[in-house]
């Protein structure tokens, strides 16, 4: 047997072992989610006896029907959609403009500004809750979509991600456009933004997921039931954990709240890898 054949067999064995380990790890990671989904599709009477098993036997949709029949749930869902879409759109505009300016436009104080942006990654959001709440309360803007969206528009990660991506774009593209008398805005909108689609998609997914799953700030800012997001609204329905509504209903609320972000991730997951790879300059 030749050395080349032996090497190929060892490589194939290594790939099989690696794939097996990854499949096992993925299954173990998915077990809690499969368990939650199975419990959400079981009658509460069955769950009172046992919560074991990853298969929804017996099967029922009563828990999800109960959620849809609950007052305000549709309003909370639409509130979350509005907050997440608005926050994602504005963040993409601001982060792309800021990242492009830091990456391509030389100006005085750029290094200091970049230091402040990176420093913003180290500040925990809970540290600014009290001043934010006081500020919006003094402006009588609590329980508004503006109060829910505005504090989340300063995204240091987004500016840094877009800056790294624009730095990786060859300067020859801009130089050629400048020779054709293209303005800076035209270069940005006609050349840079189309090239930045993977990075923008990645940032958009992260921002949407963050906005949808955000719980602490909506809990502080939205004190009226009509202005709850889906996370705070479903949490208010749980009452005293499973004693009032049932464990199946509790698990159904978890599935209902996480389904949109899971769908978004499954559709756009390949853009995350592309955006991170391109923004790192590889």
C-alpha atoms as a PDB file:
ATOM      1  CA  UNK A   1       0.000   0.000   0.000  1.00  0.00           C
ATOM      2  CA  UNK A   2       1.465   3.332  -1.030  1.00  0.00           C
ATOM      3  CA  UNK A   3       2.042   6.248   1.312  1.00  0.00           C
ATOM      4  CA  UNK A   4      -0.439   8.358  -0.682  1.00  0.00           C
ATOM      5  CA  UNK A   5      -3.203   5.777  -0.190  1.00  0.00           C
ATOM      6  CA  UNK A   6      -2.421   5.514   3.511  1.00  0.00           C
ATOM      7  CA  UNK A   7      -2.515   9.307   3.819  1.00  0.00           C
ATOM      8  CA  UNK A   8      -5.887   9.530   2.081  1.00  0.00           C
ATOM      9  CA  UNK A   9      -7.356   6.866   4.353  1.00  0.00           C
ATOM     10  CA  UNK A  10      -6.090   8.649   7.436  1.00  0.00           C
ATOM     11  CA  UNK A  11      -7.547  11.921   6.159  1.00  0.00           C
ATOM     12  CA  UNK A  12     -10.898  10.242   5.449  1.00  0.00           C
ATOM     13  CA  UNK A  13     -10.893   8.661   8.922  1.00  0.00           C
ATOM     14  CA  UNK A  14     -10.123  12.024  10.481  1.00  0.00           C
ATOM     15  CA  UNK A  15     -13.005  13.686   8.618  1.00  0.00           C
ATOM     16  CA  UNK A  16     -15.392  10.909   9.656  1.00  0.00           C
ATOM     17  CA  UNK A  17     -14.370  11.215  13.314  1.00  0.00           C
ATOM     18  CA  UNK A  18     -14.677  15.006  13.197  1.00  0.00           C
ATOM     19  CA  UNK A  19     -18.090  14.827  11.528  1.00  0.00           C
ATOM     20  CA  UNK A  20     -19.304  12.263  14.086  1.00  0.00           C
ATOM     21  CA  UNK A  21     -18.182  14.435  16.997  1.00  0.00           C
ATOM     22  CA  UNK A  22     -19.875  17.508  15.481  1.00  0.00           C
ATOM     23  CA  UNK A  23     -23.143  15.618  14.873  1.00  0.00           C
ATOM     24  CA  UNK A  24     -23.187  14.361  18.465  1.00  0.00           C
ATOM     25  CA  UNK A  25     -22.410  17.835  19.807  1.00  0.00           C
ATOM     26  CA  UNK A  26     -25.141  19.381  17.628  1.00  0.00           C
ATOM     27  CA  UNK A  27     -27.679  16.809  18.811  1.00  0.00           C
ATOM     28  CA  UNK A  28     -26.810  17.451  22.469  1.00  0.00           C
ATOM     29  CA  UNK A  29     -27.183  21.190  21.841  1.00  0.00           C
ATOM     30  CA  UNK A  30     -30.586  20.651  20.216  1.00  0.00           C
ATOM     31  CA  UNK A  31     -31.979  18.315  22.892  1.00  0.00           C
ATOM     32  CA  UNK A  32     -33.258  21.120  25.200  1.00  0.00           C
ATOM     33  CA  UNK A  33     -35.036  22.843  22.293  1.00  0.00           C
ATOM     34  CA  UNK A  34     -36.552  19.576  21.069  1.00  0.00           C
ATOM     35  CA  UNK A  35     -37.717  18.859  24.625  1.00  0.00           C
ATOM     36  CA  UNK A  36     -39.346  22.304  24.930  1.00  0.00           C
ATOM     37  CA  UNK A  37     -41.098  21.841  21.573  1.00  0.00           C
ATOM     38  CA  UNK A  38     -42.323  18.381  22.572  1.00  0.00           C
ATOM     39  CA  UNK A  39     -43.740  19.665  25.869  1.00  0.00           C
ATOM     40  CA  UNK A  40     -45.479  22.554  24.098  1.00  0.00           C
ATOM     41  CA  UNK A  41     -47.348  19.984  21.976  1.00  0.00           C
ATOM     42  CA  UNK A  42     -48.483  17.808  24.885  1.00  0.00           C
ATOM     43  CA  UNK A  43     -51.647  18.245  26.986  1.00  0.00           C
ATOM     44  CA  UNK A  44     -51.102  19.765  30.412  1.00  0.00           C
ATOM     45  CA  UNK A  45     -52.768  16.724  31.991  1.00  0.00           C
ATOM     46  CA  UNK A  46     -49.969  14.518  30.646  1.00  0.00           C
ATOM     47  CA  UNK A  47     -47.237  16.935  31.707  1.00  0.00           C
ATOM     48  CA  UNK A  48     -48.571  16.932  35.275  1.00  0.00           C
ATOM     49  CA  UNK A  49     -47.658  13.230  35.436  1.00  0.00           C
ATOM     50  CA  UNK A  50     -44.337  13.301  33.573  1.00  0.00           C
ATOM     51  CA  UNK A  51     -42.251  15.609  31.386  1.00  0.00           C
ATOM     52  CA  UNK A  52     -40.004  12.869  30.001  1.00  0.00           C
ATOM     53  CA  UNK A  53     -39.745  12.093  26.307  1.00  0.00           C
ATOM     54  CA  UNK A  54     -38.703  13.994  23.203  1.00  0.00           C
ATOM     55  CA  UNK A  55     -41.766  13.009  21.154  1.00  0.00           C
ATOM     56  CA  UNK A  56     -45.077  14.921  21.463  1.00  0.00           C
ATOM     57  CA  UNK A  57     -47.230  11.910  22.326  1.00  0.00           C
ATOM     58  CA  UNK A  58     -50.132  12.501  22.789  1.00  0.00           C
ATOM     59  CA  UNK A  59     -50.199  15.449  20.380  1.00  0.00           C
ATOM     60  CA  UNK A  60     -52.222  18.657  20.825  1.00  0.00           C
ATOM     61  CA  UNK A  61     -52.229  22.255  19.571  1.00  0.00           C
ATOM     62  CA  UNK A  62     -54.364  23.509  22.445  1.00  0.00           C
ATOM     63  CA  UNK A  63     -51.456  25.351  24.086  1.00  0.00           C
ATOM     64  CA  UNK A  64     -50.757  27.396  20.938  1.00  0.00           C
ATOM     65  CA  UNK A  65     -54.455  28.024  20.358  1.00  0.00           C
ATOM     66  CA  UNK A  66     -54.670  29.308  23.907  1.00  0.00           C
ATOM     67  CA  UNK A  67     -51.856  31.774  23.191  1.00  0.00           C
ATOM     68  CA  UNK A  68     -53.509  33.089  20.026  1.00  0.00           C
ATOM     69  CA  UNK A  69     -56.831  33.438  21.841  1.00  0.00           C
ATOM     70  CA  UNK A  70     -55.226  35.409  24.651  1.00  0.00           C
ATOM     71  CA  UNK A  71     -55.944  39.119  24.493  1.00  0.00           C
ATOM     72  CA  UNK A  72     -53.087  41.444  23.564  1.00  0.00           C
ATOM     73  CA  UNK A  73     -50.767  38.719  22.216  1.00  0.00           C
ATOM     74  CA  UNK A  74     -51.238  39.874  18.618  1.00  0.00           C
ATOM     75  CA  UNK A  75     -50.598  43.477  19.685  1.00  0.00           C
ATOM     76  CA  UNK A  76     -47.401  42.442  21.503  1.00  0.00           C
ATOM     77  CA  UNK A  77     -46.239  40.482  18.483  1.00  0.00           C
ATOM     78  CA  UNK A  78     -46.759  43.486  16.190  1.00  0.00           C
ATOM     79  CA  UNK A  79     -45.005  45.748  18.721  1.00  0.00           C
ATOM     80  CA  UNK A  80     -41.957  43.488  18.621  1.00  0.00           C
ATOM     81  CA  UNK A  81     -42.025  43.378  14.818  1.00  0.00           C
ATOM     82  CA  UNK A  82     -42.146  47.176  14.658  1.00  0.00           C
ATOM     83  CA  UNK A  83     -39.358  47.659  17.189  1.00  0.00           C
ATOM     84  CA  UNK A  84     -37.112  45.018  15.616  1.00  0.00           C
ATOM     85  CA  UNK A  85     -37.598  46.191  12.012  1.00  0.00           C
ATOM     86  CA  UNK A  86     -37.187  49.874  12.856  1.00  0.00           C
ATOM     87  CA  UNK A  87     -34.127  49.250  15.016  1.00  0.00           C
ATOM     88  CA  UNK A  88     -32.552  47.025  12.379  1.00  0.00           C
ATOM     89  CA  UNK A  89     -33.108  49.488   9.530  1.00  0.00           C
ATOM     90  CA  UNK A  90     -31.769  52.550  11.363  1.00  0.00           C
ATOM     91  CA  UNK A  91     -28.812  50.599  12.771  1.00  0.00           C
ATOM     92  CA  UNK A  92     -27.801  49.442   9.295  1.00  0.00           C
ATOM     93  CA  UNK A  93     -27.863  53.029   7.997  1.00  0.00           C
ATOM     94  CA  UNK A  94     -25.900  54.508  10.903  1.00  0.00           C
ATOM     95  CA  UNK A  95     -23.379  51.685  11.199  1.00  0.00           C
ATOM     96  CA  UNK A  96     -22.636  51.563   7.471  1.00  0.00           C
ATOM     97  CA  UNK A  97     -22.114  55.323   7.301  1.00  0.00           C
ATOM     98  CA  UNK A  98     -19.954  55.370  10.431  1.00  0.00           C
ATOM     99  CA  UNK A  99     -17.940  52.333   9.398  1.00  0.00           C
ATOM    100  CA  UNK A 100     -17.280  53.746   5.934  1.00  0.00           C
ATOM    101  CA  UNK A 101     -16.180  57.107   7.323  1.00  0.00           C
ATOM    102  CA  UNK A 102     -13.726  55.505   9.760  1.00  0.00           C
ATOM    103  CA  UNK A 103     -12.377  53.108   7.148  1.00  0.00           C
ATOM    104  CA  UNK A 104     -12.060  55.351   4.095  1.00  0.00           C
ATOM    105  CA  UNK A 105     -12.337  59.054   4.970  1.00  0.00           C
ATOM    106  CA  UNK A 106      -9.334  60.536   6.790  1.00  0.00           C
ATOM    107  CA  UNK A 107     -10.360  63.217   9.278  1.00  0.00           C
ATOM    108  CA  UNK A 108      -8.988  64.721  12.460  1.00  0.00           C
ATOM    109  CA  UNK A 109      -9.948  62.787  15.585  1.00  0.00           C
ATOM    110  CA  UNK A 110     -10.758  59.538  13.791  1.00  0.00           C
ATOM    111  CA  UNK A 111      -8.476  57.500  16.059  1.00  0.00           C
ATOM    112  CA  UNK A 112      -9.980  59.028  19.207  1.00  0.00           C
ATOM    113  CA  UNK A 113     -13.480  58.379  17.918  1.00  0.00           C
ATOM    114  CA  UNK A 114     -12.585  54.757  17.194  1.00  0.00           C
ATOM    115  CA  UNK A 115     -11.263  54.381  20.749  1.00  0.00           C
ATOM    116  CA  UNK A 116     -14.563  55.676  22.150  1.00  0.00           C
ATOM    117  CA  UNK A 117     -16.530  53.323  19.901  1.00  0.00           C
ATOM    118  CA  UNK A 118     -14.502  50.306  21.017  1.00  0.00           C
ATOM    119  CA  UNK A 119     -14.795  51.448  24.630  1.00  0.00           C
ATOM    120  CA  UNK A 120     -18.559  51.382  24.180  1.00  0.00           C
ATOM    121  CA  UNK A 121     -18.345  47.600  23.828  1.00  0.00           C
ATOM    122  CA  UNK A 122     -17.154  47.357  27.437  1.00  0.00           C
ATOM    123  CA  UNK A 123     -20.027  49.331  29.017  1.00  0.00           C
ATOM    124  CA  UNK A 124     -22.798  47.024  30.316  1.00  0.00           C
ATOM    125  CA  UNK A 125     -26.218  48.182  29.215  1.00  0.00           C
ATOM    126  CA  UNK A 126     -27.621  47.817  32.734  1.00  0.00           C
ATOM    127  CA  UNK A 127     -25.283  50.604  33.873  1.00  0.00           C
ATOM    128  CA  UNK A 128     -27.214  53.213  31.876  1.00  0.00           C
ATOM    129  CA  UNK A 129     -30.766  52.051  32.576  1.00  0.00           C
ATOM    130  CA  UNK A 130     -31.433  54.556  35.343  1.00  0.00           C
ATOM    131  CA  UNK A 131     -30.234  57.658  33.440  1.00  0.00           C
ATOM    132  CA  UNK A 132     -32.045  56.501  30.293  1.00  0.00           C
ATOM    133  CA  UNK A 133     -35.288  55.898  32.137  1.00  0.00           C
ATOM    134  CA  UNK A 134     -35.001  59.243  33.919  1.00  0.00           C
ATOM    135  CA  UNK A 135     -34.314  61.037  30.635  1.00  0.00           C
ATOM    136  CA  UNK A 136     -37.237  59.512  28.736  1.00  0.00           C
ATOM    137  CA  UNK A 137     -39.558  59.957  31.726  1.00  0.00           C
ATOM    138  CA  UNK A 138     -38.692  63.657  31.895  1.00  0.00           C
ATOM    139  CA  UNK A 139     -39.522  63.906  28.186  1.00  0.00           C
ATOM    140  CA  UNK A 140     -42.801  62.001  28.742  1.00  0.00           C
ATOM    141  CA  UNK A 141     -41.709  59.461  26.131  1.00  0.00           C
ATOM    142  CA  UNK A 142     -41.976  56.211  28.071  1.00  0.00           C
ATOM    143  CA  UNK A 143     -44.474  53.744  26.604  1.00  0.00           C
ATOM    144  CA  UNK A 144     -43.622  54.870  23.074  1.00  0.00           C
ATOM    145  CA  UNK A 145     -41.824  53.089  20.251  1.00  0.00           C
ATOM    146  CA  UNK A 146     -39.276  55.919  20.225  1.00  0.00           C
ATOM    147  CA  UNK A 147     -38.237  55.090  23.787  1.00  0.00           C
ATOM    148  CA  UNK A 148     -37.967  51.396  22.914  1.00  0.00           C
ATOM    149  CA  UNK A 149     -35.849  51.947  19.795  1.00  0.00           C
ATOM    150  CA  UNK A 150     -33.657  55.017  20.366  1.00  0.00           C
ATOM    151  CA  UNK A 151     -31.356  53.735  23.154  1.00  0.00           C
ATOM    152  CA  UNK A 152     -30.449  50.710  21.015  1.00  0.00           C
ATOM    153  CA  UNK A 153     -29.337  52.644  17.919  1.00  0.00           C
ATOM    154  CA  UNK A 154     -25.786  53.235  19.178  1.00  0.00           C
ATOM    155  CA  UNK A 155     -24.227  49.901  18.226  1.00  0.00           C
ATOM    156  CA  UNK A 156     -20.406  49.932  18.569  1.00  0.00           C
ATOM    157  CA  UNK A 157     -20.233  46.377  17.258  1.00  0.00           C
ATOM    158  CA  UNK A 158     -22.048  47.391  14.078  1.00  0.00           C
ATOM    159  CA  UNK A 159     -19.713  50.309  13.358  1.00  0.00           C
ATOM    160  CA  UNK A 160     -16.665  48.145  14.041  1.00  0.00           C
ATOM    161  CA  UNK A 161     -17.955  45.313  11.826  1.00  0.00           C
ATOM    162  CA  UNK A 162     -18.682  47.617   8.902  1.00  0.00           C
ATOM    163  CA  UNK A 163     -15.358  49.444   9.331  1.00  0.00           C
ATOM    164  CA  UNK A 164     -13.467  46.140   9.135  1.00  0.00           C
ATOM    165  CA  UNK A 165     -15.391  45.157   6.022  1.00  0.00           C
ATOM    166  CA  UNK A 166     -14.806  48.438   4.192  1.00  0.00           C
ATOM    167  CA  UNK A 167     -11.115  48.270   5.015  1.00  0.00           C
ATOM    168  CA  UNK A 168     -10.960  44.919   3.225  1.00  0.00           C
ATOM    169  CA  UNK A 169     -12.413  46.365   0.002  1.00  0.00           C
ATOM    170  CA  UNK A 170      -9.622  47.116  -2.526  1.00  0.00           C
ATOM    171  CA  UNK A 171      -8.905  50.838  -2.762  1.00  0.00           C
ATOM    172  CA  UNK A 172      -8.524  50.509  -6.537  1.00  0.00           C
ATOM    173  CA  UNK A 173     -12.334  50.413  -6.854  1.00  0.00           C
ATOM    174  CA  UNK A 174     -12.654  53.819  -5.223  1.00  0.00           C
ATOM    175  CA  UNK A 175      -9.726  55.259  -7.141  1.00  0.00           C
ATOM    176  CA  UNK A 176     -11.281  54.179 -10.436  1.00  0.00           C
ATOM    177  CA  UNK A 177     -14.586  55.783  -9.461  1.00  0.00           C
ATOM    178  CA  UNK A 178     -12.831  59.001  -8.433  1.00  0.00           C
ATOM    179  CA  UNK A 179     -11.150  59.144 -11.839  1.00  0.00           C
ATOM    180  CA  UNK A 180     -14.653  59.004 -13.334  1.00  0.00           C
ATOM    181  CA  UNK A 181     -15.556  62.081 -11.238  1.00  0.00           C
ATOM    182  CA  UNK A 182     -17.826  60.105  -8.895  1.00  0.00           C
ATOM    183  CA  UNK A 183     -18.687  61.852  -5.644  1.00  0.00           C
ATOM    184  CA  UNK A 184     -18.090  60.305  -2.241  1.00  0.00           C
ATOM    185  CA  UNK A 185     -21.792  59.605  -1.757  1.00  0.00           C
ATOM    186  CA  UNK A 186     -22.076  58.019  -5.180  1.00  0.00           C
ATOM    187  CA  UNK A 187     -19.096  55.783  -4.415  1.00  0.00           C
ATOM    188  CA  UNK A 188     -20.693  54.785  -1.133  1.00  0.00           C
ATOM    189  CA  UNK A 189     -24.160  54.008  -2.511  1.00  0.00           C
ATOM    190  CA  UNK A 190     -23.206  52.612  -5.931  1.00  0.00           C
ATOM    191  CA  UNK A 191     -20.042  50.671  -5.112  1.00  0.00           C
ATOM    192  CA  UNK A 192     -19.536  50.104  -1.404  1.00  0.00           C
ATOM    193  CA  UNK A 193     -23.054  49.238  -0.265  1.00  0.00           C
ATOM    194  CA  UNK A 194     -23.636  46.548  -2.934  1.00  0.00           C
ATOM    195  CA  UNK A 195     -20.309  44.969  -1.990  1.00  0.00           C
ATOM    196  CA  UNK A 196     -21.213  45.169   1.704  1.00  0.00           C
ATOM    197  CA  UNK A 197     -24.371  43.071   1.352  1.00  0.00           C
ATOM    198  CA  UNK A 198     -22.970  40.064   3.312  1.00  0.00           C
ATOM    199  CA  UNK A 199     -21.751  42.275   6.168  1.00  0.00           C
ATOM    200  CA  UNK A 200     -24.997  44.253   6.207  1.00  0.00           C
ATOM    201  CA  UNK A 201     -27.019  41.040   6.277  1.00  0.00           C
ATOM    202  CA  UNK A 202     -24.939  39.725   9.165  1.00  0.00           C
ATOM    203  CA  UNK A 203     -25.359  42.935  11.137  1.00  0.00           C
ATOM    204  CA  UNK A 204     -29.064  43.022  10.313  1.00  0.00           C
ATOM    205  CA  UNK A 205     -29.574  39.481  11.615  1.00  0.00           C
ATOM    206  CA  UNK A 206     -27.688  40.173  14.834  1.00  0.00           C
ATOM    207  CA  UNK A 207     -29.589  43.421  15.386  1.00  0.00           C
ATOM    208  CA  UNK A 208     -32.970  41.838  14.683  1.00  0.00           C
ATOM    209  CA  UNK A 209     -32.254  38.943  17.046  1.00  0.00           C
ATOM    210  CA  UNK A 210     -31.093  41.321  19.745  1.00  0.00           C
ATOM    211  CA  UNK A 211     -34.105  43.600  19.340  1.00  0.00           C
ATOM    212  CA  UNK A 212     -36.565  40.705  19.341  1.00  0.00           C
ATOM    213  CA  UNK A 213     -35.079  39.011  22.408  1.00  0.00           C
ATOM    214  CA  UNK A 214     -34.528  42.220  24.388  1.00  0.00           C
ATOM    215  CA  UNK A 215     -36.330  41.995  27.702  1.00  0.00           C
ATOM    216  CA  UNK A 216     -34.766  44.307  30.297  1.00  0.00           C
ATOM    217  CA  UNK A 217     -35.158  47.670  28.562  1.00  0.00           C
ATOM    218  CA  UNK A 218     -38.755  47.054  27.358  1.00  0.00           C
ATOM    219  CA  UNK A 219     -39.530  45.924  30.907  1.00  0.00           C
ATOM    220  CA  UNK A 220     -38.262  49.270  32.220  1.00  0.00           C
ATOM    221  CA  UNK A 221     -39.587  51.547  29.478  1.00  0.00           C
ATOM    222  CA  UNK A 222     -42.975  49.990  28.640  1.00  0.00           C
ATOM    223  CA  UNK A 223     -45.168  49.975  31.729  1.00  0.00           C
ATOM    224  CA  UNK A 224     -48.539  49.924  29.936  1.00  0.00           C
ATOM    225  CA  UNK A 225     -49.861  46.603  28.648  1.00  0.00           C
ATOM    226  CA  UNK A 226     -50.589  47.904  25.142  1.00  0.00           C
ATOM    227  CA  UNK A 227     -46.924  48.825  24.676  1.00  0.00           C
ATOM    228  CA  UNK A 228     -45.407  45.519  25.792  1.00  0.00           C
ATOM    229  CA  UNK A 229     -43.187  43.633  23.389  1.00  0.00           C
ATOM    230  CA  UNK A 230     -43.644  39.899  22.937  1.00  0.00           C
ATOM    231  CA  UNK A 231     -40.971  39.064  25.513  1.00  0.00           C
ATOM    232  CA  UNK A 232     -42.404  41.201  28.304  1.00  0.00           C
ATOM    233  CA  UNK A 233     -45.985  40.411  27.337  1.00  0.00           C
ATOM    234  CA  UNK A 234     -45.579  36.628  27.405  1.00  0.00           C
ATOM    235  CA  UNK A 235     -43.641  36.902  30.637  1.00  0.00           C
ATOM    236  CA  UNK A 236     -46.591  38.738  32.168  1.00  0.00           C
ATOM    237  CA  UNK A 237     -48.899  35.879  31.134  1.00  0.00           C
ATOM    238  CA  UNK A 238     -46.898  33.244  32.938  1.00  0.00           C
ATOM    239  CA  UNK A 239     -48.128  34.364  36.305  1.00  0.00           C
ATOM    240  CA  UNK A 240     -46.916  32.038  39.002  1.00  0.00           C
ATOM    241  CA  UNK A 241     -44.826  29.850  36.642  1.00  0.00           C
ATOM    242  CA  UNK A 242     -46.823  26.764  35.629  1.00  0.00           C
ATOM    243  CA  UNK A 243     -49.345  26.679  38.459  1.00  0.00           C
ATOM    244  CA  UNK A 244     -51.915  28.907  36.791  1.00  0.00           C
ATOM    245  CA  UNK A 245     -51.592  28.272  33.039  1.00  0.00           C
ATOM    246  CA  UNK A 246     -49.892  24.889  32.848  1.00  0.00           C
ATOM    247  CA  UNK A 247     -46.430  23.779  31.856  1.00  0.00           C
ATOM    248  CA  UNK A 248     -47.477  23.103  28.260  1.00  0.00           C
ATOM    249  CA  UNK A 249     -48.703  26.678  27.878  1.00  0.00           C
ATOM    250  CA  UNK A 250     -45.434  27.954  29.354  1.00  0.00           C
ATOM    251  CA  UNK A 251     -43.381  25.948  26.849  1.00  0.00           C
ATOM    252  CA  UNK A 252     -45.668  27.054  24.000  1.00  0.00           C
ATOM    253  CA  UNK A 253     -44.980  30.700  24.837  1.00  0.00           C
ATOM    254  CA  UNK A 254     -41.243  30.009  24.631  1.00  0.00           C
ATOM    255  CA  UNK A 255     -41.659  28.394  21.201  1.00  0.00           C
ATOM    256  CA  UNK A 256     -43.982  31.153  20.000  1.00  0.00           C
ATOM    257  CA  UNK A 257     -41.538  33.895  21.008  1.00  0.00           C
ATOM    258  CA  UNK A 258     -38.468  32.200  19.541  1.00  0.00           C
ATOM    259  CA  UNK A 259     -39.957  30.965  16.244  1.00  0.00           C
ATOM    260  CA  UNK A 260     -39.495  34.219  14.230  1.00  0.00           C
ATOM    261  CA  UNK A 261     -35.816  34.608  15.120  1.00  0.00           C
ATOM    262  CA  UNK A 262     -35.177  30.934  14.377  1.00  0.00           C
ATOM    263  CA  UNK A 263     -36.784  31.308  10.951  1.00  0.00           C
ATOM    264  CA  UNK A 264     -34.738  34.436  10.219  1.00  0.00           C
ATOM    265  CA  UNK A 265     -31.542  32.678  11.238  1.00  0.00           C
ATOM    266  CA  UNK A 266     -32.225  29.575   9.158  1.00  0.00           C
ATOM    267  CA  UNK A 267     -32.937  31.663   6.058  1.00  0.00           C
ATOM    268  CA  UNK A 268     -29.921  33.954   6.341  1.00  0.00           C
ATOM    269  CA  UNK A 269     -27.349  31.827   8.171  1.00  0.00           C
ATOM    270  CA  UNK A 270     -24.987  31.599   5.190  1.00  0.00           C
ATOM    271  CA  UNK A 271     -24.672  35.385   5.118  1.00  0.00           C
ATOM    272  CA  UNK A 272     -23.350  35.369   8.682  1.00  0.00           C
ATOM    273  CA  UNK A 273     -20.356  33.264   7.680  1.00  0.00           C
ATOM    274  CA  UNK A 274     -19.760  35.361   4.546  1.00  0.00           C
ATOM    275  CA  UNK A 275     -20.007  38.654   6.401  1.00  0.00           C
ATOM    276  CA  UNK A 276     -17.652  37.649   9.214  1.00  0.00           C
ATOM    277  CA  UNK A 277     -15.130  36.153   6.780  1.00  0.00           C
ATOM    278  CA  UNK A 278     -15.126  39.214   4.524  1.00  0.00           C
ATOM    279  CA  UNK A 279     -15.020  41.703   7.402  1.00  0.00           C
ATOM    280  CA  UNK A 280     -11.936  39.926   8.790  1.00  0.00           C
ATOM    281  CA  UNK A 281     -10.191  40.446   5.466  1.00  0.00           C
ATOM    282  CA  UNK A 282      -9.905  36.739   4.572  1.00  0.00           C
END
